[in-house]
Structures are given as C-alpha cells and as structure tokens.
Amino acid sequence: MDPNGVRIQMLTAGQDVEPPSVQDDATKKKPQQTDDAATPKAPPARPALSSASDLMKLLPTGTVLAFQALAPSFSNHGVCHAANRYLVLSLIGACAVSCVLLSFTDSLVGRDGKLYHGAATFWGFYPFNYTGTREQREAAFDDEDLSRFRVTALDFVHAFFSALVFLAVALADASIQGCLFPDAGPDVRELLVNLPLGAGFLSSMVFMIFPTTRKSIGYMDMAPHAQ
C-alpha cells in the first residue's frame, strides 16, 4: 500500500456521525455589537424652504411657481457669474412687484353670472375682461356696488407685507444665497435662514389682526365676490 496515498474512512451501517462539540461553537467569533442603538441620533436637517412652506399661502401661487422654476437656472445653482446676479436680481424684483400689484386686484361675479377679474382703484372696481357696451356694463354691474371695491389703506399694508414675505422666502433659498452672498459668514447665513420665520410670524400677525376681503388674482382663496 502506498504510504503517501489518501485514506478515506467510510462509515459503516449503524455508525453515527459525531456531532460538533460545544467547544467548537464557543470558539466561533461572535459578531461584535456596536453602540449605535445607545447613541442618540440627531434629527434630519430640514431644507431652508421647508420652514417657510406655510408662507406660500400668503403669496400669489403663480408668482411663487415662476420663481421656483426660474431661480435654479438664473442662479446657476449657486455658482453665479456677473450675468447670473443681474438675472437673479431682476427675477426677485419682478416677483416682488408682482406680489404688490396682485394685492390690488379683485374678482366678482356680475349680474350676468360671469366671472370678472379686475383692479381695485380709488373710484371702485375696474374689470379687465369686460368688452361689452356701456348699456351692457350698466346691466352687468351696479356702479354703487362697485364703489365698495375701491382701494383702502389696508390694501397698501397687505401689499407691503406680501412683498416682505416674498423677499424673505427668496433670500432663504440656498442657490440665491450662494449667488448674491458668496462670501457671507456663518452669522449672515444664519440670519438668512431664520429670516423667513420672523417675517412669516410678523406677516401672519398682521394678516390675522387686519384681514382683507380681497379675492385677488393668483391667490389660493379664489372664491369671487357675488354682486
């Protein structure tokens, strides 16, 4: 028989296989437990605009959507050149003016059952989408009733705070901050992040104490006045 050959031991019938010893199981390395469960996890960071999401209802929906659609492209996602800064400033200025002008708009349903949008003036309501004659106008509107839609001092207050809320929300955007304030320190950035909270609280208090009855164009509450 070859002494270098490999021996294979065959089990005979009735012979049991020896189970692994307990010591072999003990020698196996147990998985190392970590202290992740013991260490408290920090809450996830919230984006800047999520803290100001409640302020969107105080702004015209179309203006907000236009800003959110154009701001990333105009600001080049925060990596701005001179042309991008001019575009961003123009966008913010146009949207702020839009918030002011839309605060002086209103809507109502005439006697003919049609919905009319228009501007509030110092003399009353001027409809935009009316193209009838003078006789048809007198039949559709009552001049005495239209006079109650004239501009008041409260309209200027709401227009100012609408623009203030929009500027606060716009400056809280990370791409706008990176474009307009590239060298801002941590103190300035903290101010810009928390600015919507302060502006929203102040504006909400003003709107709650001095509510408006305007059904302005582009706002969420679009139920028109009935004449």
Protein backbone atom coordinates (compact mmCIF):
# COMPACT_ATOMS: atom_id res chain seq x y z
CA MET A 1 0.00 0.00 0.00
CA ASP A 2 1.25 3.38 -0.88
CA PRO A 3 2.14 5.26 2.37
CA ASN A 4 1.58 8.61 0.62
CA GLY A 5 -1.90 7.77 -0.53
CA VAL A 6 -5.02 9.48 0.76
CA ARG A 7 -7.12 7.47 3.16
CA ILE A 8 -10.90 7.79 3.00
CA GLN A 9 -12.76 6.46 6.04
CA MET A 10 -16.15 5.06 5.15
CA LEU A 11 -18.94 4.93 7.68
CA THR A 12 -20.41 1.58 8.33
CA ALA A 13 -24.06 0.95 8.83
CA GLY A 14 -25.25 1.83 12.32
CA GLN A 15 -22.37 4.16 13.00
CA ASP A 16 -23.49 7.66 13.98
CA VAL A 17 -21.80 10.82 12.96
CA GLU A 18 -20.23 12.57 15.91
CA PRO A 19 -21.92 15.93 16.46
CA PRO A 20 -19.77 19.00 16.65
CA SER A 21 -18.59 19.73 20.12
CA VAL A 22 -19.81 22.63 22.17
CA GLN A 23 -16.30 23.97 22.38
CA ASP A 24 -16.19 24.37 18.61
CA ASP A 25 -19.29 26.54 18.73
CA ALA A 26 -17.79 28.59 21.54
CA THR A 27 -14.64 29.19 19.55
CA LYS A 28 -16.62 30.77 16.75
CA LYS A 29 -16.30 34.51 16.73
CA LYS A 30 -19.43 36.28 17.82
CA PRO A 31 -20.48 39.35 15.88
CA GLN A 32 -19.27 42.50 17.53
CA GLN A 33 -22.05 44.62 18.89
CA THR A 34 -22.00 48.30 18.24
CA ASP A 35 -23.32 51.09 20.38
CA ASP A 36 -25.45 52.59 17.59
CA ALA A 37 -28.61 51.82 19.48
CA ALA A 38 -27.31 53.53 22.58
CA THR A 39 -26.16 56.70 20.88
CA PRO A 40 -28.98 59.18 20.14
CA LYS A 41 -29.47 60.11 16.52
CA ALA A 42 -29.72 63.73 15.52
CA PRO A 43 -32.93 64.79 13.76
CA PRO A 44 -32.63 65.16 9.99
CA ALA A 45 -31.84 68.62 8.78
CA ARG A 46 -34.73 70.48 7.20
CA PRO A 47 -34.22 72.43 3.99
CA ALA A 48 -34.43 76.18 4.15
CA LEU A 49 -37.67 76.50 2.18
CA SER A 50 -39.49 73.80 4.14
CA SER A 51 -39.50 76.03 7.20
CA ALA A 52 -41.18 78.72 5.10
CA SER A 53 -43.71 76.45 3.40
CA ASP A 54 -46.58 77.93 5.42
CA LEU A 55 -45.74 81.36 4.00
CA MET A 56 -46.62 80.26 0.46
CA LYS A 57 -50.33 80.65 1.16
CA LEU A 58 -49.71 84.37 1.75
CA LEU A 59 -48.24 84.79 -1.75
CA PRO A 60 -49.67 84.55 -5.27
CA THR A 61 -49.39 80.98 -6.48
CA GLY A 62 -48.27 81.92 -9.99
CA THR A 63 -45.52 84.20 -8.69
CA VAL A 64 -44.16 81.51 -6.39
CA LEU A 65 -44.19 78.86 -9.14
CA ALA A 66 -42.45 81.20 -11.57
CA PHE A 67 -39.73 81.96 -9.03
CA GLN A 68 -39.17 78.30 -8.15
CA ALA A 69 -38.97 77.36 -11.84
CA LEU A 70 -36.57 80.12 -12.91
CA ALA A 71 -34.40 80.60 -9.82
CA PRO A 72 -32.23 77.44 -10.22
CA SER A 73 -31.42 78.30 -13.84
CA PHE A 74 -30.93 82.03 -13.32
CA SER A 75 -28.67 81.48 -10.31
CA ASN A 76 -26.75 78.63 -11.99
CA HIS A 77 -27.45 76.56 -8.86
CA GLY A 78 -25.47 78.97 -6.69
CA VAL A 79 -22.37 79.21 -8.91
CA CYS A 80 -23.00 82.71 -10.22
CA HIS A 81 -21.27 84.94 -12.70
CA ALA A 82 -21.98 88.63 -13.17
CA ALA A 83 -24.77 87.92 -15.66
CA ASN A 84 -26.42 85.46 -13.24
CA ARG A 85 -26.51 88.06 -10.49
CA TYR A 86 -28.30 90.52 -12.77
CA LEU A 87 -30.79 87.83 -13.75
CA VAL A 88 -31.43 86.87 -10.13
CA LEU A 89 -31.92 90.48 -9.04
CA SER A 90 -34.29 91.08 -11.97
CA LEU A 91 -36.27 87.94 -11.12
CA ILE A 92 -36.59 88.85 -7.44
CA GLY A 93 -37.58 92.42 -8.29
CA ALA A 94 -40.19 91.35 -10.85
CA CYS A 95 -41.73 88.80 -8.49
CA ALA A 96 -41.82 91.32 -5.62
CA VAL A 97 -43.56 93.88 -7.87
CA SER A 98 -45.99 91.15 -8.93
CA CYS A 99 -46.88 90.47 -5.28
CA VAL A 100 -47.54 94.19 -4.76
CA LEU A 101 -49.66 94.66 -7.89
CA LEU A 102 -51.71 91.50 -7.37
CA SER A 103 -52.64 92.74 -3.91
CA PHE A 104 -54.71 95.45 -5.62
CA THR A 105 -56.69 93.03 -7.80
CA ASP A 106 -60.09 91.53 -7.10
CA SER A 107 -62.73 89.33 -8.71
CA LEU A 108 -66.50 89.16 -8.66
CA VAL A 109 -69.46 87.56 -10.40
CA GLY A 110 -71.62 90.07 -12.28
CA ARG A 111 -75.37 90.10 -12.64
CA ASP A 112 -75.00 88.15 -15.87
CA GLY A 113 -73.41 85.24 -13.96
CA LYS A 114 -69.94 85.70 -15.49
CA LEU A 115 -66.71 85.89 -13.53
CA TYR A 116 -64.78 89.13 -13.90
CA HIS A 117 -61.24 89.91 -12.78
CA GLY A 118 -60.07 93.46 -12.37
CA ALA A 119 -58.13 96.05 -10.45
CA ALA A 120 -59.21 98.00 -7.42
CA THR A 121 -58.89 101.73 -7.99
CA PHE A 122 -59.60 104.78 -5.88
CA TRP A 123 -63.02 105.04 -7.57
CA GLY A 124 -64.07 101.40 -7.48
CA PHE A 125 -63.58 98.16 -9.41
CA TYR A 126 -62.31 98.17 -12.99
CA PRO A 127 -62.83 94.77 -14.74
CA PHE A 128 -60.12 93.56 -17.12
CA ASN A 129 -62.08 91.01 -19.11
CA TYR A 130 -65.21 93.03 -19.88
CA THR A 131 -65.71 94.03 -23.53
CA GLY A 132 -69.40 95.00 -23.64
CA THR A 133 -71.02 98.33 -24.35
CA ARG A 134 -71.91 100.94 -21.76
CA GLU A 135 -75.52 99.76 -21.65
CA GLN A 136 -74.39 96.16 -21.12
CA ARG A 137 -71.99 97.32 -18.43
CA GLU A 138 -74.80 99.04 -16.53
CA ALA A 139 -76.82 95.84 -16.79
CA ALA A 140 -73.94 93.63 -15.58
CA PHE A 141 -72.62 95.89 -12.81
CA ASP A 142 -74.04 98.29 -10.31
CA ASP A 143 -71.81 101.33 -10.01
CA GLU A 144 -72.82 101.85 -6.41
CA ASP A 145 -71.84 98.29 -5.52
CA LEU A 146 -68.55 98.59 -7.43
CA SER A 147 -67.57 101.56 -5.31
CA ARG A 148 -67.15 99.30 -2.28
CA PHE A 149 -64.17 97.66 -4.01
CA ARG A 150 -62.13 100.85 -4.09
CA VAL A 151 -58.58 100.97 -2.73
CA THR A 152 -58.16 101.43 1.02
CA ALA A 153 -55.17 101.90 3.32
CA LEU A 154 -55.36 98.22 4.24
CA ASP A 155 -54.50 97.27 0.66
CA PHE A 156 -51.18 99.09 0.92
CA VAL A 157 -50.40 97.30 4.19
CA HIS A 158 -51.09 93.89 2.66
CA ALA A 159 -49.10 94.77 -0.46
CA PHE A 160 -46.07 95.75 1.64
CA PHE A 161 -46.14 92.60 3.76
CA SER A 162 -46.71 90.37 0.72
CA ALA A 163 -43.53 91.76 -0.82
CA LEU A 164 -41.74 91.35 2.52
CA VAL A 165 -42.74 87.70 2.78
CA PHE A 166 -41.61 87.00 -0.78
CA LEU A 167 -38.21 88.63 -0.24
CA ALA A 168 -37.72 86.60 2.93
CA VAL A 169 -38.61 83.35 1.16
CA ALA A 170 -36.42 84.19 -1.84
CA LEU A 171 -33.38 85.00 0.28
CA ALA A 172 -33.81 81.74 2.18
CA ASP A 173 -33.13 79.74 -0.99
CA ALA A 174 -29.67 78.17 -0.94
CA SER A 175 -28.90 78.92 -4.60
CA ILE A 176 -29.91 82.57 -4.16
CA GLN A 177 -27.72 82.87 -1.07
CA GLY A 178 -24.75 81.35 -2.90
CA CYS A 179 -25.27 83.72 -5.81
CA LEU A 180 -25.87 87.01 -4.01
CA PHE A 181 -23.83 86.36 -0.87
CA PRO A 182 -20.93 84.09 -1.88
CA ASP A 183 -18.61 85.37 0.87
CA ALA A 184 -21.19 85.53 3.65
CA GLY A 185 -20.07 84.36 7.05
CA PRO A 186 -21.93 81.96 9.32
CA ASP A 187 -23.73 84.78 11.11
CA VAL A 188 -25.14 86.19 7.87
CA ARG A 189 -26.20 82.73 6.68
CA GLU A 190 -27.99 82.03 9.95
CA LEU A 191 -29.79 85.33 9.56
CA LEU A 192 -30.87 84.48 6.03
CA VAL A 193 -32.09 81.02 7.05
CA ASN A 194 -34.13 82.28 10.01
CA LEU A 195 -35.41 85.39 8.25
CA PRO A 196 -38.50 83.66 6.77
CA LEU A 197 -39.57 82.56 10.24
CA GLY A 198 -39.52 86.09 11.60
CA ALA A 199 -41.11 87.61 8.51
CA GLY A 200 -43.78 84.91 8.43
CA PHE A 201 -44.67 85.42 12.09
CA LEU A 202 -44.91 89.18 11.68
CA SER A 203 -46.93 88.97 8.46
CA SER A 204 -49.26 86.32 9.87
CA MET A 205 -49.99 88.53 12.85
CA VAL A 206 -50.72 91.49 10.58
CA PHE A 207 -52.97 89.44 8.29
CA MET A 208 -54.78 87.96 11.28
CA ILE A 209 -55.37 91.31 13.02
CA PHE A 210 -56.17 93.16 9.78
CA PRO A 211 -57.76 90.59 7.44
CA THR A 212 -58.52 91.56 3.86
CA THR A 213 -61.66 90.80 1.90
CA ARG A 214 -59.92 90.90 -1.47
CA LYS A 215 -60.27 87.91 -3.80
CA SER A 216 -57.05 88.71 -5.58
CA ILE A 217 -55.87 87.06 -8.77
CA GLY A 218 -53.49 84.16 -8.26
CA TYR A 219 -54.11 83.57 -4.57
CA MET A 220 -55.34 80.30 -3.11
CA ASP A 221 -58.70 81.70 -1.96
CA MET A 222 -60.28 82.32 -5.35
CA ALA A 223 -63.97 82.30 -4.41
CA PRO A 224 -65.16 85.54 -6.10
CA HIS A 225 -67.50 88.10 -4.64
CA ALA A 226 -71.15 87.84 -5.58
CA GLN A 227 -72.81 91.07 -6.63
